[in-house]
């Protein structure tokens, strides 16, 4: 990942990767996609243009909602390696795990992606000032540490 890229650039690139993945492999189109990145977790929410009539009918019963969730998870699991291959180069970190959930009534999809390490600087990337700050905090009594 290039040093000049900021959080918004990364979130935008992740959003495009997820949106393209869903368009190409899940054959779904979305009206709204939101991506938030907090350290080692990427949280993406996708909302469809409109609900598919057959899915809306299935979502009327608990059994139908459960079936829609299982089918969505199975489809995602079957091609999650494709999404992983698109996300890792964008964030410059390895993906540890991905989980998806579907709200069958609204059609809202949530994807949570855990990274091996956060997007914050790693120990090797920290400046000497950061290391000195960490040394001071380690040597301070437990009651005086800031969290």
C-alpha atoms as a PDB file:
ATOM      1  CA  UNK A   1       0.000   0.000   0.000  1.00  0.00           C
ATOM      2  CA  UNK A   2       1.427   3.360  -1.002  1.00  0.00           C
ATOM      3  CA  UNK A   3       2.183   5.848   1.770  1.00  0.00           C
ATOM      4  CA  UNK A   4       0.291   8.647  -0.009  1.00  0.00           C
ATOM      5  CA  UNK A   5      -3.068   6.841   0.182  1.00  0.00           C
ATOM      6  CA  UNK A   6      -5.331   8.068   2.935  1.00  0.00           C
ATOM      7  CA  UNK A   7      -8.217   6.327   4.720  1.00  0.00           C
ATOM      8  CA  UNK A   8     -10.834   7.668   2.303  1.00  0.00           C
ATOM      9  CA  UNK A   9      -8.858   6.406  -0.725  1.00  0.00           C
ATOM     10  CA  UNK A  10      -8.582   2.935   0.796  1.00  0.00           C
ATOM     11  CA  UNK A  11     -12.269   2.836   1.768  1.00  0.00           C
ATOM     12  CA  UNK A  12     -13.232   3.876  -1.764  1.00  0.00           C
ATOM     13  CA  UNK A  13     -11.010   1.189  -3.333  1.00  0.00           C
ATOM     14  CA  UNK A  14     -12.434  -1.453  -0.961  1.00  0.00           C
ATOM     15  CA  UNK A  15     -15.976  -0.299  -1.811  1.00  0.00           C
ATOM     16  CA  UNK A  16     -15.263  -0.721  -5.537  1.00  0.00           C
ATOM     17  CA  UNK A  17     -13.752  -4.183  -4.981  1.00  0.00           C
ATOM     18  CA  UNK A  18     -16.802  -5.328  -2.982  1.00  0.00           C
ATOM     19  CA  UNK A  19     -19.286  -3.760  -5.383  1.00  0.00           C
ATOM     20  CA  UNK A  20     -17.605  -5.316  -8.434  1.00  0.00           C
ATOM     21  CA  UNK A  21     -17.437  -8.686  -6.674  1.00  0.00           C
ATOM     22  CA  UNK A  22     -21.172  -8.595  -5.920  1.00  0.00           C
ATOM     23  CA  UNK A  23     -22.039  -7.417  -9.422  1.00  0.00           C
ATOM     24  CA  UNK A  24     -19.902 -10.049 -11.174  1.00  0.00           C
ATOM     25  CA  UNK A  25     -20.203 -13.090  -8.906  1.00  0.00           C
ATOM     26  CA  UNK A  26     -23.413 -12.613  -6.912  1.00  0.00           C
ATOM     27  CA  UNK A  27     -25.245 -10.954  -9.851  1.00  0.00           C
ATOM     28  CA  UNK A  28     -26.707  -8.292  -7.582  1.00  0.00           C
ATOM     29  CA  UNK A  29     -26.908  -4.537  -8.068  1.00  0.00           C
ATOM     30  CA  UNK A  30     -26.875  -2.081  -5.204  1.00  0.00           C
ATOM     31  CA  UNK A  31     -28.101   1.470  -4.713  1.00  0.00           C
ATOM     32  CA  UNK A  32     -25.946   2.175  -1.678  1.00  0.00           C
ATOM     33  CA  UNK A  33     -22.613   0.812  -0.455  1.00  0.00           C
ATOM     34  CA  UNK A  34     -20.886   2.025   2.686  1.00  0.00           C
ATOM     35  CA  UNK A  35     -17.444   0.934   3.862  1.00  0.00           C
ATOM     36  CA  UNK A  36     -15.877   1.730   7.222  1.00  0.00           C
ATOM     37  CA  UNK A  37     -12.384   0.682   8.221  1.00  0.00           C
ATOM     38  CA  UNK A  38     -11.301   0.630  11.849  1.00  0.00           C
ATOM     39  CA  UNK A  39      -7.779  -0.689  12.395  1.00  0.00           C
ATOM     40  CA  UNK A  40      -8.006  -4.395  11.449  1.00  0.00           C
ATOM     41  CA  UNK A  41     -11.731  -4.606  10.577  1.00  0.00           C
ATOM     42  CA  UNK A  42     -13.498  -3.613   7.383  1.00  0.00           C
ATOM     43  CA  UNK A  43     -17.272  -3.247   7.734  1.00  0.00           C
ATOM     44  CA  UNK A  44     -19.249  -3.001   4.498  1.00  0.00           C
ATOM     45  CA  UNK A  45     -22.999  -2.516   4.110  1.00  0.00           C
ATOM     46  CA  UNK A  46     -24.781  -2.962   0.783  1.00  0.00           C
ATOM     47  CA  UNK A  47     -28.396  -2.008   0.072  1.00  0.00           C
ATOM     48  CA  UNK A  48     -30.105  -3.191  -3.119  1.00  0.00           C
ATOM     49  CA  UNK A  49     -31.915  -1.030  -5.650  1.00  0.00           C
ATOM     50  CA  UNK A  50     -35.022  -3.118  -5.075  1.00  0.00           C
ATOM     51  CA  UNK A  51     -35.907  -6.412  -3.474  1.00  0.00           C
ATOM     52  CA  UNK A  52     -36.396  -9.379  -5.802  1.00  0.00           C
ATOM     53  CA  UNK A  53     -40.119 -10.322  -5.697  1.00  0.00           C
ATOM     54  CA  UNK A  54     -39.456 -14.031  -5.068  1.00  0.00           C
ATOM     55  CA  UNK A  55     -37.129 -13.148  -2.171  1.00  0.00           C
ATOM     56  CA  UNK A  56     -39.740 -10.759  -0.752  1.00  0.00           C
ATOM     57  CA  UNK A  57     -42.281 -13.566  -0.790  1.00  0.00           C
ATOM     58  CA  UNK A  58     -39.866 -15.986   0.910  1.00  0.00           C
ATOM     59  CA  UNK A  59     -39.029 -13.333   3.530  1.00  0.00           C
ATOM     60  CA  UNK A  60     -42.651 -13.370   4.725  1.00  0.00           C
ATOM     61  CA  UNK A  61     -42.047 -16.499   6.826  1.00  0.00           C
ATOM     62  CA  UNK A  62     -39.321 -17.376   9.324  1.00  0.00           C
ATOM     63  CA  UNK A  63     -38.470 -20.510   7.335  1.00  0.00           C
ATOM     64  CA  UNK A  64     -38.161 -18.456   4.153  1.00  0.00           C
ATOM     65  CA  UNK A  65     -35.919 -15.886   5.869  1.00  0.00           C
ATOM     66  CA  UNK A  66     -33.687 -18.667   7.204  1.00  0.00           C
ATOM     67  CA  UNK A  67     -33.480 -20.204   3.726  1.00  0.00           C
ATOM     68  CA  UNK A  68     -32.521 -16.861   2.156  1.00  0.00           C
ATOM     69  CA  UNK A  69     -29.770 -16.380   4.777  1.00  0.00           C
ATOM     70  CA  UNK A  70     -28.375 -19.885   4.181  1.00  0.00           C
ATOM     71  CA  UNK A  71     -28.387 -19.482   0.400  1.00  0.00           C
ATOM     72  CA  UNK A  72     -26.691 -16.080   0.642  1.00  0.00           C
ATOM     73  CA  UNK A  73     -23.993 -17.436   2.976  1.00  0.00           C
ATOM     74  CA  UNK A  74     -23.411 -20.496   0.766  1.00  0.00           C
ATOM     75  CA  UNK A  75     -23.079 -18.349  -2.358  1.00  0.00           C
ATOM     76  CA  UNK A  76     -20.656 -16.008  -0.575  1.00  0.00           C
ATOM     77  CA  UNK A  77     -18.562 -18.884   0.799  1.00  0.00           C
ATOM     78  CA  UNK A  78     -18.319 -20.492  -2.637  1.00  0.00           C
ATOM     79  CA  UNK A  79     -16.531 -17.482  -4.112  1.00  0.00           C
ATOM     80  CA  UNK A  80     -15.059 -15.609  -1.137  1.00  0.00           C
ATOM     81  CA  UNK A  81     -11.512 -16.330  -2.362  1.00  0.00           C
ATOM     82  CA  UNK A  82     -12.232 -14.031  -5.308  1.00  0.00           C
ATOM     83  CA  UNK A  83     -13.144 -11.198  -2.934  1.00  0.00           C
ATOM     84  CA  UNK A  84     -10.108 -11.962  -0.753  1.00  0.00           C
ATOM     85  CA  UNK A  85      -7.851 -11.709  -3.829  1.00  0.00           C
ATOM     86  CA  UNK A  86      -9.354  -8.293  -4.611  1.00  0.00           C
ATOM     87  CA  UNK A  87      -9.229  -6.885  -1.071  1.00  0.00           C
ATOM     88  CA  UNK A  88      -5.683  -7.865  -0.067  1.00  0.00           C
ATOM     89  CA  UNK A  89      -3.867  -5.809  -2.739  1.00  0.00           C
ATOM     90  CA  UNK A  90      -6.079  -2.798  -2.008  1.00  0.00           C
ATOM     91  CA  UNK A  91      -5.378  -2.728   1.734  1.00  0.00           C
ATOM     92  CA  UNK A  92      -1.870  -4.181   1.555  1.00  0.00           C
ATOM     93  CA  UNK A  93      -2.684  -6.670   4.329  1.00  0.00           C
ATOM     94  CA  UNK A  94      -3.747 -10.318   4.421  1.00  0.00           C
ATOM     95  CA  UNK A  95      -7.394 -11.106   5.132  1.00  0.00           C
ATOM     96  CA  UNK A  96      -7.823 -13.307   8.221  1.00  0.00           C
ATOM     97  CA  UNK A  97     -11.580 -13.948   7.950  1.00  0.00           C
ATOM     98  CA  UNK A  98     -14.730 -12.769   6.189  1.00  0.00           C
ATOM     99  CA  UNK A  99     -18.297 -13.060   7.428  1.00  0.00           C
ATOM    100  CA  UNK A 100     -21.483 -12.010   5.672  1.00  0.00           C
ATOM    101  CA  UNK A 101     -25.062 -11.646   6.798  1.00  0.00           C
ATOM    102  CA  UNK A 102     -28.281 -10.862   4.990  1.00  0.00           C
ATOM    103  CA  UNK A 103     -31.372  -9.132   6.305  1.00  0.00           C
ATOM    104  CA  UNK A 104     -33.882 -10.917   4.079  1.00  0.00           C
ATOM    105  CA  UNK A 105     -36.672  -8.409   4.688  1.00  0.00           C
ATOM    106  CA  UNK A 106     -34.719  -5.309   3.599  1.00  0.00           C
ATOM    107  CA  UNK A 107     -32.181  -7.043   1.359  1.00  0.00           C
ATOM    108  CA  UNK A 108     -29.373  -5.334   3.304  1.00  0.00           C
ATOM    109  CA  UNK A 109     -26.081  -7.232   3.248  1.00  0.00           C
ATOM    110  CA  UNK A 110     -23.293  -6.776   5.760  1.00  0.00           C
ATOM    111  CA  UNK A 111     -19.761  -8.044   5.197  1.00  0.00           C
ATOM    112  CA  UNK A 112     -17.173  -7.944   7.968  1.00  0.00           C
ATOM    113  CA  UNK A 113     -13.580  -8.535   6.922  1.00  0.00           C
ATOM    114  CA  UNK A 114     -10.901  -9.104   9.559  1.00  0.00           C
ATOM    115  CA  UNK A 115      -7.330  -8.349   8.553  1.00  0.00           C
ATOM    116  CA  UNK A 116      -4.217 -10.104   9.887  1.00  0.00           C
ATOM    117  CA  UNK A 117      -2.907  -6.734  11.042  1.00  0.00           C
ATOM    118  CA  UNK A 118      -4.498  -3.335  11.229  1.00  0.00           C
ATOM    119  CA  UNK A 119      -4.075  -0.537   8.738  1.00  0.00           C
ATOM    120  CA  UNK A 120      -2.385   1.491  11.467  1.00  0.00           C
ATOM    121  CA  UNK A 121       1.431   1.445  11.311  1.00  0.00           C
ATOM    122  CA  UNK A 122       2.989  -1.832  12.390  1.00  0.00           C
ATOM    123  CA  UNK A 123       5.780  -1.977  14.970  1.00  0.00           C
ATOM    124  CA  UNK A 124       8.396  -1.816  12.207  1.00  0.00           C
ATOM    125  CA  UNK A 125       6.721   1.251  10.653  1.00  0.00           C
ATOM    126  CA  UNK A 126       6.490   3.295  13.849  1.00  0.00           C
ATOM    127  CA  UNK A 127       8.777   6.254  14.331  1.00  0.00           C
ATOM    128  CA  UNK A 128      11.328   6.449  17.128  1.00  0.00           C
ATOM    129  CA  UNK A 129       9.010   8.896  18.938  1.00  0.00           C
ATOM    130  CA  UNK A 130       6.258   6.249  18.910  1.00  0.00           C
ATOM    131  CA  UNK A 131       8.675   3.678  20.354  1.00  0.00           C
ATOM    132  CA  UNK A 132       9.810   6.090  23.058  1.00  0.00           C
ATOM    133  CA  UNK A 133       6.156   6.781  23.969  1.00  0.00           C
ATOM    134  CA  UNK A 134       5.500   3.025  24.186  1.00  0.00           C
ATOM    135  CA  UNK A 135       8.607   2.544  26.377  1.00  0.00           C
ATOM    136  CA  UNK A 136       7.414   5.281  28.740  1.00  0.00           C
ATOM    137  CA  UNK A 137       3.952   3.710  28.971  1.00  0.00           C
ATOM    138  CA  UNK A 138       5.413   0.241  29.640  1.00  0.00           C
ATOM    139  CA  UNK A 139       7.596   1.578  32.433  1.00  0.00           C
ATOM    140  CA  UNK A 140       4.780   3.572  34.073  1.00  0.00           C
ATOM    141  CA  UNK A 141       2.876   2.002  36.968  1.00  0.00           C
ATOM    142  CA  UNK A 142      -0.269   0.184  35.853  1.00  0.00           C
ATOM    143  CA  UNK A 143      -2.617   2.704  37.522  1.00  0.00           C
ATOM    144  CA  UNK A 144      -1.100   5.588  35.512  1.00  0.00           C
ATOM    145  CA  UNK A 145      -1.221   4.008  32.061  1.00  0.00           C
ATOM    146  CA  UNK A 146      -3.443   5.556  29.461  1.00  0.00           C
ATOM    147  CA  UNK A 147      -5.483   3.198  27.384  1.00  0.00           C
END
